[in-house]
Amino acid sequence: MSRRSQPPYPAELKQRAVRMVGEIEADYESRWQAMRAVAEKRGIGSTETVRLWVRQVEIDGGTRTGTTSEDSEELKRLRRENAELRRAKHILKAASAFFAAEIDRPHRRS
């Protein structure tokens, strides 16, 4: 997993940038140029960032196929839960083997 060098952009900035692309898109020869202009005007690091935001809004709105933000968050949650359950299973398996060995071991009475 990669680490971000900067904190994520605020949600308000993302929403405004996506809205701006829709508002000014007709003024440019291509959608990419409109996204580039928005990125420059809003101080966003790259045009690709704006493109990804626009794409995700389209997916979440149902106008483009893909994994919605809600589904993505649910997948992350389930993967974390699955990893925790695997760790717990490993611990229980080791404890079970330990106690099974204790039961089979002859004990001395004092």
C-alpha atoms as a PDB file:
ATOM      1  CA  MET A   1       0.000   0.000   0.000  1.00  0.00           C
ATOM      2  CA  SER A   2       1.327   3.402  -0.881  1.00  0.00           C
ATOM      3  CA  ARG A   3       1.619   6.312   1.526  1.00  0.00           C
ATOM      4  CA  ARG A   4       0.345   9.723   0.588  1.00  0.00           C
ATOM      5  CA  SER A   5       2.831  12.540   0.839  1.00  0.00           C
ATOM      6  CA  GLN A   6      -0.014  15.014   1.406  1.00  0.00           C
ATOM      7  CA  PRO A   7      -3.260  14.705   3.306  1.00  0.00           C
ATOM      8  CA  PRO A   8      -6.274  14.041   1.087  1.00  0.00           C
ATOM      9  CA  TYR A   9      -8.097  16.983  -0.438  1.00  0.00           C
ATOM     10  CA  PRO A  10     -11.163  18.228   1.481  1.00  0.00           C
ATOM     11  CA  ALA A  11     -14.509  16.836   0.294  1.00  0.00           C
ATOM     12  CA  GLU A  12     -15.768  20.348  -0.465  1.00  0.00           C
ATOM     13  CA  LEU A  13     -12.870  20.949  -2.865  1.00  0.00           C
ATOM     14  CA  LYS A  14     -13.550  17.668  -4.650  1.00  0.00           C
ATOM     15  CA  GLN A  15     -17.264  18.423  -5.004  1.00  0.00           C
ATOM     16  CA  ARG A  16     -16.624  21.940  -6.269  1.00  0.00           C
ATOM     17  CA  ALA A  17     -14.005  20.755  -8.773  1.00  0.00           C
ATOM     18  CA  VAL A  18     -16.356  18.121 -10.185  1.00  0.00           C
ATOM     19  CA  ARG A  19     -19.160  20.690 -10.470  1.00  0.00           C
ATOM     20  CA  MET A  20     -16.806  23.125 -12.185  1.00  0.00           C
ATOM     21  CA  VAL A  21     -15.825  20.537 -14.788  1.00  0.00           C
ATOM     22  CA  GLY A  22     -19.493  20.096 -15.681  1.00  0.00           C
ATOM     23  CA  GLU A  23     -20.065  23.841 -15.782  1.00  0.00           C
ATOM     24  CA  ILE A  24     -17.096  24.751 -18.010  1.00  0.00           C
ATOM     25  CA  GLU A  25     -16.771  21.616 -20.119  1.00  0.00           C
ATOM     26  CA  ALA A  26     -18.604  23.193 -23.090  1.00  0.00           C
ATOM     27  CA  ASP A  27     -16.082  26.060 -23.147  1.00  0.00           C
ATOM     28  CA  TYR A  28     -13.183  23.704 -23.992  1.00  0.00           C
ATOM     29  CA  GLU A  29     -12.348  21.446 -26.921  1.00  0.00           C
ATOM     30  CA  SER A  30     -12.166  18.377 -24.704  1.00  0.00           C
ATOM     31  CA  ARG A  31     -13.203  17.268 -21.262  1.00  0.00           C
ATOM     32  CA  TRP A  32      -9.550  16.746 -20.395  1.00  0.00           C
ATOM     33  CA  GLN A  33      -8.798  20.408 -21.087  1.00  0.00           C
ATOM     34  CA  ALA A  34     -11.681  21.433 -18.832  1.00  0.00           C
ATOM     35  CA  MET A  35     -10.322  19.162 -16.097  1.00  0.00           C
ATOM     36  CA  ARG A  36      -6.842  20.617 -16.557  1.00  0.00           C
ATOM     37  CA  ALA A  37      -8.232  24.153 -16.197  1.00  0.00           C
ATOM     38  CA  VAL A  38     -10.100  23.209 -13.009  1.00  0.00           C
ATOM     39  CA  ALA A  39      -6.985  21.557 -11.566  1.00  0.00           C
ATOM     40  CA  GLU A  40      -4.959  24.705 -12.237  1.00  0.00           C
ATOM     41  CA  LYS A  41      -7.623  27.095 -10.906  1.00  0.00           C
ATOM     42  CA  ARG A  42      -8.157  25.085  -7.719  1.00  0.00           C
ATOM     43  CA  GLY A  43      -4.504  24.255  -7.046  1.00  0.00           C
ATOM     44  CA  ILE A  44      -5.005  20.525  -7.440  1.00  0.00           C
ATOM     45  CA  GLY A  45      -1.775  18.622  -8.038  1.00  0.00           C
ATOM     46  CA  SER A  46      -2.714  16.929 -11.293  1.00  0.00           C
ATOM     47  CA  THR A  47      -5.422  16.734 -13.899  1.00  0.00           C
ATOM     48  CA  GLU A  48      -5.582  12.988 -13.320  1.00  0.00           C
ATOM     49  CA  THR A  49      -6.787  13.609  -9.770  1.00  0.00           C
ATOM     50  CA  VAL A  50      -9.705  15.656 -11.071  1.00  0.00           C
ATOM     51  CA  ARG A  51     -10.444  13.013 -13.710  1.00  0.00           C
ATOM     52  CA  LEU A  52     -10.638  10.317 -11.043  1.00  0.00           C
ATOM     53  CA  TRP A  53     -13.000  12.444  -8.938  1.00  0.00           C
ATOM     54  CA  VAL A  54     -15.285  13.055 -11.916  1.00  0.00           C
ATOM     55  CA  ARG A  55     -15.234   9.376 -12.794  1.00  0.00           C
ATOM     56  CA  GLN A  56     -16.112   8.322  -9.230  1.00  0.00           C
ATOM     57  CA  VAL A  57     -19.031  10.772  -9.117  1.00  0.00           C
ATOM     58  CA  GLU A  58     -20.302   9.274 -12.376  1.00  0.00           C
ATOM     59  CA  ILE A  59     -20.003   5.741 -10.951  1.00  0.00           C
ATOM     60  CA  ASP A  60     -21.726   6.717  -7.713  1.00  0.00           C
ATOM     61  CA  GLY A  61     -24.465   8.446  -9.724  1.00  0.00           C
ATOM     62  CA  GLY A  62     -25.062   5.371 -11.865  1.00  0.00           C
ATOM     63  CA  THR A  63     -24.060   6.943 -15.175  1.00  0.00           C
ATOM     64  CA  ARG A  64     -20.873   4.853 -15.434  1.00  0.00           C
ATOM     65  CA  THR A  65     -20.160   1.260 -14.489  1.00  0.00           C
ATOM     66  CA  GLY A  66     -17.692   0.487 -11.741  1.00  0.00           C
ATOM     67  CA  THR A  67     -17.366   0.028  -7.998  1.00  0.00           C
ATOM     68  CA  THR A  68     -19.264   2.677  -6.062  1.00  0.00           C
ATOM     69  CA  SER A  69     -17.677   4.477  -3.125  1.00  0.00           C
ATOM     70  CA  GLU A  70     -20.108   2.720  -0.795  1.00  0.00           C
ATOM     71  CA  ASP A  71     -19.202  -0.721  -2.163  1.00  0.00           C
ATOM     72  CA  SER A  72     -15.506   0.119  -1.978  1.00  0.00           C
ATOM     73  CA  GLU A  73     -15.797   1.085   1.703  1.00  0.00           C
ATOM     74  CA  GLU A  74     -17.761  -2.107   2.423  1.00  0.00           C
ATOM     75  CA  LEU A  75     -15.073  -4.205   0.713  1.00  0.00           C
ATOM     76  CA  LYS A  76     -12.345  -2.539   2.796  1.00  0.00           C
ATOM     77  CA  ARG A  77     -14.336  -3.174   5.978  1.00  0.00           C
ATOM     78  CA  LEU A  78     -14.930  -6.820   5.080  1.00  0.00           C
ATOM     79  CA  ARG A  79     -11.261  -7.361   4.192  1.00  0.00           C
ATOM     80  CA  ARG A  80     -10.181  -5.942   7.571  1.00  0.00           C
ATOM     81  CA  GLU A  81     -12.745  -8.123   9.336  1.00  0.00           C
ATOM     82  CA  ASN A  82     -11.606 -11.178   7.367  1.00  0.00           C
ATOM     83  CA  ALA A  83      -7.964 -10.544   8.325  1.00  0.00           C
ATOM     84  CA  GLU A  84      -8.932 -10.221  11.997  1.00  0.00           C
ATOM     85  CA  LEU A  85     -10.912 -13.471  11.857  1.00  0.00           C
ATOM     86  CA  ARG A  86      -7.944 -15.255  10.261  1.00  0.00           C
ATOM     87  CA  ARG A  87      -5.682 -14.012  13.080  1.00  0.00           C
ATOM     88  CA  ALA A  88      -8.200 -15.171  15.688  1.00  0.00           C
ATOM     89  CA  LYS A  89      -8.500 -18.569  13.971  1.00  0.00           C
ATOM     90  CA  HIS A  90      -4.712 -18.952  14.006  1.00  0.00           C
ATOM     91  CA  ILE A  91      -4.552 -18.103  17.731  1.00  0.00           C
ATOM     92  CA  LEU A  92      -7.398 -20.491  18.584  1.00  0.00           C
ATOM     93  CA  LYS A  93      -5.796 -23.263  16.540  1.00  0.00           C
ATOM     94  CA  ALA A  94      -2.495 -22.833  18.385  1.00  0.00           C
ATOM     95  CA  ALA A  95      -4.255 -22.733  21.764  1.00  0.00           C
ATOM     96  CA  SER A  96      -6.246 -25.840  20.886  1.00  0.00           C
ATOM     97  CA  ALA A  97      -3.076 -27.744  19.955  1.00  0.00           C
ATOM     98  CA  PHE A  98      -1.391 -26.612  23.184  1.00  0.00           C
ATOM     99  CA  PHE A  99      -4.269 -27.744  25.400  1.00  0.00           C
ATOM    100  CA  ALA A 100      -4.682 -31.019  23.489  1.00  0.00           C
ATOM    101  CA  ALA A 101      -0.999 -31.768  24.143  1.00  0.00           C
ATOM    102  CA  GLU A 102      -1.496 -30.936  27.854  1.00  0.00           C
ATOM    103  CA  ILE A 103      -4.383 -33.401  28.144  1.00  0.00           C
ATOM    104  CA  ASP A 104      -2.371 -36.196  26.482  1.00  0.00           C
ATOM    105  CA  ARG A 105       0.691 -35.581  28.648  1.00  0.00           C
ATOM    106  CA  PRO A 106       0.941 -37.772  31.783  1.00  0.00           C
ATOM    107  CA  HIS A 107       0.781 -35.728  34.964  1.00  0.00           C
ATOM    108  CA  ARG A 108       2.536 -36.549  38.230  1.00  0.00           C
ATOM    109  CA  ARG A 109       0.625 -36.405  41.424  1.00  0.00           C
ATOM    110  CA  SER A 110       2.393 -34.923  44.369  1.00  0.00           C
END
